[in-house]
C-alpha atoms as a PDB file:
ATOM      1  CA  MET A   1      66.221   0.694-130.575  1.00  0.00           C
ATOM      2  CA  SER A   2      69.916  -0.030-130.943  1.00  0.00           C
ATOM      3  CA  ARG A   3      71.017  -2.321-133.745  1.00  0.00           C
ATOM      4  CA  ARG A   4      74.653  -2.639-132.813  1.00  0.00           C
ATOM      5  CA  TRP A   5      74.138  -6.401-133.092  1.00  0.00           C
ATOM      6  CA  MET A   6      74.176  -6.008-136.877  1.00  0.00           C
ATOM      7  CA  TYR A   7      77.923  -5.400-136.808  1.00  0.00           C
ATOM      8  CA  GLY A   8      78.897  -7.774-134.022  1.00  0.00           C
ATOM      9  CA  ASP A   9      79.588 -11.495-133.718  1.00  0.00           C
ATOM     10  CA  HIS A  10      77.468 -13.478-136.178  1.00  0.00           C
ATOM     11  CA  THR A  11      77.296 -16.492-133.854  1.00  0.00           C
ATOM     12  CA  THR A  12      75.512 -14.838-130.935  1.00  0.00           C
ATOM     13  CA  ALA A  13      71.879 -15.368-130.006  1.00  0.00           C
ATOM     14  CA  GLU A  14      71.365 -11.607-130.401  1.00  0.00           C
ATOM     15  CA  TYR A  15      72.534 -11.716-134.030  1.00  0.00           C
ATOM     16  CA  LEU A  16      70.382 -14.776-134.719  1.00  0.00           C
ATOM     17  CA  SER A  17      67.326 -13.046-133.266  1.00  0.00           C
ATOM     18  CA  GLY A  18      68.117  -9.818-135.114  1.00  0.00           C
ATOM     19  CA  VAL A  19      68.414 -11.532-138.498  1.00  0.00           C
ATOM     20  CA  ALA A  20      65.087 -13.256-137.854  1.00  0.00           C
ATOM     21  CA  GLU A  21      63.577  -9.823-137.137  1.00  0.00           C
ATOM     22  CA  PHE A  22      65.010  -8.473-140.404  1.00  0.00           C
ATOM     23  CA  ILE A  23      63.649 -11.438-142.369  1.00  0.00           C
ATOM     24  CA  ARG A  24      60.161 -10.816-140.982  1.00  0.00           C
ATOM     25  CA  CYS A  25      60.417  -7.131-141.908  1.00  0.00           C
ATOM     26  CA  ALA A  26      61.675  -7.903-145.426  1.00  0.00           C
ATOM     27  CA  LEU A  27      58.945 -10.475-146.078  1.00  0.00           C
ATOM     28  CA  ALA A  28      56.238  -8.115-144.820  1.00  0.00           C
ATOM     29  CA  HIS A  29      57.525  -5.394-147.163  1.00  0.00           C
ATOM     30  CA  GLN A  30      57.641  -7.863-150.046  1.00  0.00           C
ATOM     31  CA  ARG A  31      54.015  -8.821-149.434  1.00  0.00           C
ATOM     32  CA  SER A  32      52.896  -5.201-149.207  1.00  0.00           C
ATOM     33  CA  THR A  33      54.688  -4.200-152.418  1.00  0.00           C
ATOM     34  CA  LYS A  34      53.976  -7.497-154.214  1.00  0.00           C
ATOM     35  CA  ALA A  35      57.619  -7.626-155.295  1.00  0.00           C
ATOM     36  CA  GLU A  36      59.029 -10.854-156.699  1.00  0.00           C
ATOM     37  CA  LYS A  37      62.498 -10.322-155.244  1.00  0.00           C
ATOM     38  CA  ILE A  38      64.032  -8.707-152.166  1.00  0.00           C
ATOM     39  CA  TYR A  39      67.109  -6.482-151.957  1.00  0.00           C
ATOM     40  CA  CYS A  40      69.919  -8.324-150.183  1.00  0.00           C
ATOM     41  CA  PRO A  41      71.635  -6.041-147.608  1.00  0.00           C
ATOM     42  CA  CYS A  42      74.764  -8.155-147.165  1.00  0.00           C
ATOM     43  CA  ARG A  43      78.192  -6.561-147.575  1.00  0.00           C
ATOM     44  CA  ASP A  44      78.611  -7.948-151.087  1.00  0.00           C
ATOM     45  CA  CYS A  45      75.113  -7.491-152.545  1.00  0.00           C
ATOM     46  CA  ASN A  46      74.961  -4.026-150.942  1.00  0.00           C
ATOM     47  CA  ASN A  47      71.188  -3.541-151.413  1.00  0.00           C
ATOM     48  CA  ILE A  48      71.803  -3.480-155.157  1.00  0.00           C
ATOM     49  CA  LYS A  49      71.292  -7.134-156.017  1.00  0.00           C
ATOM     50  CA  ARG A  50      67.824  -8.601-155.533  1.00  0.00           C
ATOM     51  CA  LEU A  51      67.262 -12.249-154.674  1.00  0.00           C
ATOM     52  CA  GLY A  52      64.135 -14.359-154.912  1.00  0.00           C
ATOM     53  CA  ASP A  53      65.110 -16.812-152.171  1.00  0.00           C
ATOM     54  CA  ILE A  54      64.834 -15.431-148.628  1.00  0.00           C
ATOM     55  CA  ASP A  55      66.931 -18.350-147.348  1.00  0.00           C
ATOM     56  CA  GLU A  56      69.790 -17.207-149.596  1.00  0.00           C
ATOM     57  CA  ILE A  57      69.579 -13.698-148.144  1.00  0.00           C
ATOM     58  CA  GLU A  58      69.643 -15.147-144.634  1.00  0.00           C
ATOM     59  CA  ASP A  59      72.707 -17.222-145.549  1.00  0.00           C
ATOM     60  CA  HIS A  60      74.461 -14.125-146.907  1.00  0.00           C
ATOM     61  CA  LEU A  61      73.802 -12.222-143.671  1.00  0.00           C
ATOM     62  CA  PHE A  62      75.285 -14.969-141.533  1.00  0.00           C
ATOM     63  CA  ARG A  63      78.325 -15.516-143.757  1.00  0.00           C
ATOM     64  CA  ARG A  64      79.025 -11.948-144.899  1.00  0.00           C
ATOM     65  CA  GLY A  65      77.186  -9.659-142.502  1.00  0.00           C
ATOM     66  CA  PHE A  66      75.190  -6.508-143.195  1.00  0.00           C
ATOM     67  CA  LYS A  67      76.430  -3.662-145.398  1.00  0.00           C
ATOM     68  CA  GLN A  68      77.810  -0.738-143.439  1.00  0.00           C
ATOM     69  CA  ASP A  69      75.491   1.878-141.941  1.00  0.00           C
ATOM     70  CA  TYR A  70      72.232   0.100-142.721  1.00  0.00           C
ATOM     71  CA  HIS A  71      70.726   0.851-139.307  1.00  0.00           C
ATOM     72  CA  VAL A  72      67.356   1.873-140.767  1.00  0.00           C
ATOM     73  CA  TRP A  73      65.986  -0.772-143.135  1.00  0.00           C
ATOM     74  CA  PHE A  74      64.492   1.729-145.559  1.00  0.00           C
ATOM     75  CA  TRP A  75      64.854  -0.578-148.586  1.00  0.00           C
ATOM     76  CA  HIS A  76      62.768  -3.093-146.659  1.00  0.00           C
ATOM     77  CA  GLY A  77      59.845  -0.952-145.549  1.00  0.00           C
ATOM     78  CA  GLU A  78      61.128   1.137-142.644  1.00  0.00           C
ATOM     79  CA  THR A  79      60.944   4.928-142.692  1.00  0.00           C
ATOM     80  CA  ILE A  80      63.830   7.250-141.942  1.00  0.00           C
ATOM     81  CA  PRO A  81      63.367   9.112-138.626  1.00  0.00           C
ATOM     82  CA  ASP A  82      62.936  12.877-138.848  1.00  0.00           C
ATOM     83  CA  ARG A  83      66.067  14.678-137.688  1.00  0.00           C
ATOM     84  CA  PRO A  84      68.285  17.564-138.843  1.00  0.00           C
ATOM     85  CA  SER A  85      70.621  16.794-141.711  1.00  0.00           C
ATOM     86  CA  SER A  86      73.620  17.580-139.512  1.00  0.00           C
ATOM     87  CA  SER A  87      72.507  14.877-137.104  1.00  0.00           C
ATOM     88  CA  VAL A  88      72.217  12.410-139.970  1.00  0.00           C
ATOM     89  CA  HIS A  89      75.775  13.061-141.067  1.00  0.00           C
ATOM     90  CA  GLU A  90      77.038  12.945-137.484  1.00  0.00           C
ATOM     91  CA  PHE A  91      75.267   9.616-136.995  1.00  0.00           C
ATOM     92  CA  ASP A  92      76.790   8.222-140.173  1.00  0.00           C
ATOM     93  CA  VAL A  93      80.296   9.283-139.167  1.00  0.00           C
ATOM     94  CA  GLN A  94      79.969   7.713-135.739  1.00  0.00           C
ATOM     95  CA  SER A  95      78.533   4.560-137.256  1.00  0.00           C
ATOM     96  CA  ASN A  96      81.373   4.365-139.745  1.00  0.00           C
ATOM     97  CA  GLU A  97      83.922   4.623-136.963  1.00  0.00           C
ATOM     98  CA  SER A  98      82.343   1.910-134.843  1.00  0.00           C
ATOM     99  CA  ASP A  99      81.759  -0.400-137.794  1.00  0.00           C
ATOM    100  CA  ASP A 100      85.316   0.043-139.031  1.00  0.00           C
ATOM    101  CA  ASP A 101      86.611  -0.857-135.573  1.00  0.00           C
ATOM    102  CA  ILE A 102      84.548  -4.030-135.532  1.00  0.00           C
ATOM    103  CA  TYR A 103      85.675  -5.144-138.978  1.00  0.00           C
ATOM    104  CA  GLU A 104      89.269  -3.943-138.710  1.00  0.00           C
ATOM    105  CA  ASN A 105      90.613  -7.451-138.246  1.00  0.00           C
ATOM    106  CA  ASN A 106      88.197  -9.140-140.630  1.00  0.00           C
ATOM    107  CA  GLU A 107      88.337  -7.019-143.791  1.00  0.00           C
ATOM    108  CA  THR A 108      91.251  -5.832-145.925  1.00  0.00           C
ATOM    109  CA  ASP A 109      91.587  -2.216-146.995  1.00  0.00           C
ATOM    110  CA  ASP A 110      90.930  -3.251-150.596  1.00  0.00           C
ATOM    111  CA  ASP A 111      87.637  -4.897-149.672  1.00  0.00           C
ATOM    112  CA  GLU A 112      86.474  -1.730-147.903  1.00  0.00           C
ATOM    113  CA  GLU A 113      87.511   0.540-150.778  1.00  0.00           C
ATOM    114  CA  GLU A 114      85.776  -1.483-153.504  1.00  0.00           C
ATOM    115  CA  ASP A 115      82.263  -0.360-152.553  1.00  0.00           C
ATOM    116  CA  ASP A 116      83.088   3.135-151.242  1.00  0.00           C
ATOM    117  CA  GLU A 117      81.715   5.067-154.210  1.00  0.00           C
ATOM    118  CA  ILE A 118      78.536   3.005-154.542  1.00  0.00           C
ATOM    119  CA  ASN A 119      77.994   3.242-150.775  1.00  0.00           C
ATOM    120  CA  GLU A 120      78.397   7.027-150.825  1.00  0.00           C
ATOM    121  CA  MET A 121      75.925   7.404-153.666  1.00  0.00           C
ATOM    122  CA  MET A 122      73.395   5.190-151.888  1.00  0.00           C
ATOM    123  CA  ASP A 123      73.921   7.053-148.604  1.00  0.00           C
ATOM    124  CA  GLY A 124      73.311  10.355-150.390  1.00  0.00           C
ATOM    125  CA  LEU A 125      70.134   8.898-151.816  1.00  0.00           C
ATOM    126  CA  LYS A 126      69.062   7.739-148.346  1.00  0.00           C
ATOM    127  CA  ASP A 127      69.541  11.183-146.795  1.00  0.00           C
ATOM    128  CA  HIS A 128      67.043  12.723-149.244  1.00  0.00           C
ATOM    129  CA  LEU A 129      64.491   9.933-149.623  1.00  0.00           C
ATOM    130  CA  ASP A 130      61.982  11.491-147.261  1.00  0.00           C
ATOM    131  CA  GLU A 131      62.291  14.854-149.035  1.00  0.00           C
ATOM    132  CA  ARG A 132      62.132  13.507-152.588  1.00  0.00           C
ATOM    133  CA  PRO A 133      59.963  10.369-152.660  1.00  0.00           C
ATOM    134  CA  GLN A 134      60.045  10.360-156.455  1.00  0.00           C
ATOM    135  CA  MET A 135      63.715   9.378-156.185  1.00  0.00           C
ATOM    136  CA  PHE A 136      62.744   6.095-154.585  1.00  0.00           C
ATOM    137  CA  GLU A 137      60.229   5.464-157.348  1.00  0.00           C
ATOM    138  CA  GLN A 138      62.833   6.172-160.030  1.00  0.00           C
ATOM    139  CA  VAL A 139      65.465   3.889-158.515  1.00  0.00           C
ATOM    140  CA  SER A 140      62.884   1.191-157.790  1.00  0.00           C
ATOM    141  CA  LYS A 141      61.710   1.333-161.394  1.00  0.00           C
ATOM    142  CA  ALA A 142      65.290   0.855-162.622  1.00  0.00           C
ATOM    143  CA  ALA A 143      65.649  -2.070-160.224  1.00  0.00           C
ATOM    144  CA  GLU A 144      62.514  -3.687-161.672  1.00  0.00           C
ATOM    145  CA  THR A 145      63.303  -2.976-165.345  1.00  0.00           C
ATOM    146  CA  PRO A 146      64.878  -5.972-167.156  1.00  0.00           C
ATOM    147  CA  LEU A 147      68.212  -5.227-168.800  1.00  0.00           C
ATOM    148  CA  TYR A 148      66.636  -6.227-172.100  1.00  0.00           C
ATOM    149  CA  PRO A 149      63.280  -7.772-173.050  1.00  0.00           C
ATOM    150  CA  GLY A 150      63.077 -11.291-171.657  1.00  0.00           C
ATOM    151  CA  CYS A 151      66.115 -10.938-169.371  1.00  0.00           C
ATOM    152  CA  THR A 152      65.462 -12.503-165.957  1.00  0.00           C
ATOM    153  CA  LYS A 153      68.978 -12.480-164.493  1.00  0.00           C
ATOM    154  CA  PHE A 154      69.835  -8.777-164.333  1.00  0.00           C
ATOM    155  CA  SER A 155      67.877  -5.566-163.962  1.00  0.00           C
ATOM    156  CA  LYS A 156      68.950  -2.289-165.524  1.00  0.00           C
ATOM    157  CA  LEU A 157      70.152  -1.002-162.133  1.00  0.00           C
ATOM    158  CA  GLU A 158      72.080  -4.175-161.297  1.00  0.00           C
ATOM    159  CA  CYS A 159      73.967  -4.155-164.595  1.00  0.00           C
ATOM    160  CA  VAL A 160      74.905  -0.479-164.389  1.00  0.00           C
ATOM    161  CA  SER A 161      75.980  -0.812-160.747  1.00  0.00           C
ATOM    162  CA  ILE A 162      78.247  -3.771-161.549  1.00  0.00           C
ATOM    163  CA  LEU A 163      79.856  -2.007-164.503  1.00  0.00           C
ATOM    164  CA  TYR A 164      80.265   1.263-162.606  1.00  0.00           C
ATOM    165  CA  ASN A 165      81.902  -0.579-159.722  1.00  0.00           C
ATOM    166  CA  LEU A 166      84.417  -2.010-162.202  1.00  0.00           C
ATOM    167  CA  LYS A 167      85.099   1.528-163.429  1.00  0.00           C
ATOM    168  CA  CYS A 168      85.868   2.641-159.888  1.00  0.00           C
ATOM    169  CA  LYS A 169      88.075  -0.356-159.120  1.00  0.00           C
ATOM    170  CA  GLY A 170      90.021   0.014-162.353  1.00  0.00           C
ATOM    171  CA  GLY A 171      90.310   3.801-162.252  1.00  0.00           C
ATOM    172  CA  TRP A 172      88.897   4.109-165.767  1.00  0.00           C
ATOM    173  CA  ARG A 173      88.498   7.539-167.296  1.00  0.00           C
ATOM    174  CA  ASP A 174      84.958   8.671-168.079  1.00  0.00           C
ATOM    175  CA  GLU A 175      85.528   8.575-171.836  1.00  0.00           C
ATOM    176  CA  HIS A 176      86.774   4.980-171.620  1.00  0.00           C
ATOM    177  CA  PHE A 177      83.693   4.009-169.638  1.00  0.00           C
ATOM    178  CA  ASP A 178      81.532   5.764-172.234  1.00  0.00           C
ATOM    179  CA  THR A 179      83.090   3.534-174.890  1.00  0.00           C
ATOM    180  CA  LEU A 180      82.511   0.422-172.791  1.00  0.00           C
ATOM    181  CA  LEU A 181      78.833   1.287-172.319  1.00  0.00           C
ATOM    182  CA  GLU A 182      78.421   1.847-176.046  1.00  0.00           C
ATOM    183  CA  TRP A 183      79.936  -1.541-176.873  1.00  0.00           C
ATOM    184  CA  VAL A 184      77.978  -3.366-174.183  1.00  0.00           C
ATOM    185  CA  GLY A 185      74.833  -1.844-175.644  1.00  0.00           C
ATOM    186  CA  GLU A 186      75.850  -3.202-179.057  1.00  0.00           C
ATOM    187  CA  PHE A 187      76.586  -6.674-177.657  1.00  0.00           C
ATOM    188  CA  LEU A 188      73.256  -6.977-175.845  1.00  0.00           C
ATOM    189  CA  PRO A 189      70.013  -7.886-177.654  1.00  0.00           C
ATOM    190  CA  GLU A 190      67.944  -5.170-179.274  1.00  0.00           C
ATOM    191  CA  GLY A 191      65.732  -3.241-176.900  1.00  0.00           C
ATOM    192  CA  ASN A 192      68.309  -3.254-174.108  1.00  0.00           C
ATOM    193  CA  ASP A 193      68.041  -0.349-171.691  1.00  0.00           C
ATOM    194  CA  ILE A 194      71.674   0.237-170.733  1.00  0.00           C
ATOM    195  CA  PRO A 195      72.787   3.912-170.416  1.00  0.00           C
ATOM    196  CA  THR A 196      74.961   5.216-173.214  1.00  0.00           C
ATOM    197  CA  SER A 197      77.315   7.372-171.142  1.00  0.00           C
ATOM    198  CA  THR A 198      78.902   7.802-167.719  1.00  0.00           C
ATOM    199  CA  TYR A 199      76.647  10.801-167.121  1.00  0.00           C
ATOM    200  CA  TYR A 200      73.471   8.765-167.559  1.00  0.00           C
ATOM    201  CA  ALA A 201      74.884   5.872-165.518  1.00  0.00           C
ATOM    202  CA  ARG A 202      75.515   8.208-162.581  1.00  0.00           C
ATOM    203  CA  LYS A 203      72.131   9.842-163.040  1.00  0.00           C
ATOM    204  CA  LEU A 204      70.463   6.428-162.931  1.00  0.00           C
ATOM    205  CA  MET A 205      72.129   5.441-159.648  1.00  0.00           C
ATOM    206  CA  CYS A 206      71.673   8.831-158.047  1.00  0.00           C
ATOM    207  CA  PRO A 207      68.676  10.748-159.440  1.00  0.00           C
ATOM    208  CA  LEU A 208      69.461  13.962-157.538  1.00  0.00           C
ATOM    209  CA  GLY A 209      72.934  14.129-159.024  1.00  0.00           C
ATOM    210  CA  LEU A 210      74.498  13.576-155.602  1.00  0.00           C
ATOM    211  CA  GLU A 211      77.759  12.064-156.714  1.00  0.00           C
ATOM    212  CA  VAL A 212      80.971  11.866-154.747  1.00  0.00           C
ATOM    213  CA  ASP A 213      83.622  14.531-155.151  1.00  0.00           C
ATOM    214  CA  LYS A 214      86.130  14.078-157.937  1.00  0.00           C
ATOM    215  CA  ILE A 215      89.845  14.586-157.382  1.00  0.00           C
ATOM    216  CA  ASP A 216      90.623  17.321-159.891  1.00  0.00           C
ATOM    217  CA  ASP A 217      94.294  16.386-160.177  1.00  0.00           C
ATOM    218  CA  CYS A 218      93.643  12.710-160.833  1.00  0.00           C
ATOM    219  CA  PRO A 219      94.154  11.846-164.527  1.00  0.00           C
ATOM    220  CA  ASN A 220      91.716   8.922-164.306  1.00  0.00           C
ATOM    221  CA  ASP A 221      88.654  10.851-163.079  1.00  0.00           C
ATOM    222  CA  CYS A 222      88.881   8.913-159.826  1.00  0.00           C
ATOM    223  CA  MET A 223      86.467   9.616-156.993  1.00  0.00           C
ATOM    224  CA  LEU A 224      86.975  10.149-153.300  1.00  0.00           C
END
């Protein structure tokens, strides 16, 4: 079933009906997993931030729209169809092109670039979920683990994703990010579970080590 409506006009009856379908799917998955919060798939939360209010997620989807290439709602209970890996990549490329065309007049280049690295890591994770189910368990565990004992605002995965996104936006070198992580760990209460290096931060967000390619000539360890 086509879900082109996800990246079309947010005021149409088709989009309204589609969001209602997504909400039903997300709530059913929440009940089956007994999760307290649901991943928000809007363009800003990017299936990284979890929210406890389904109405807030619905509001995000109407105001911000869905994150790119989320045609299969695998973070909300759907399974990825079996198909050759080449077909998956071809599908993603075509989807990127159509989605970019739709948002060309609504998003700035900077907005699209901000989440590129996180998106690529998550897409790499998606491509291998059906082959390595333990990956999903590892990432889900990080998403459920409080940043420190008693913390209710951020999970371990949310904190690392936010900090790593800042690294990408600022073009920080790996050693500078290592220092930041060390200091953040010192600032947080005892028992915090923040990674101590860039290596472990990447490993947390992408258990298979599927990270984006680095530009060798870039002095800031920037990523493509």
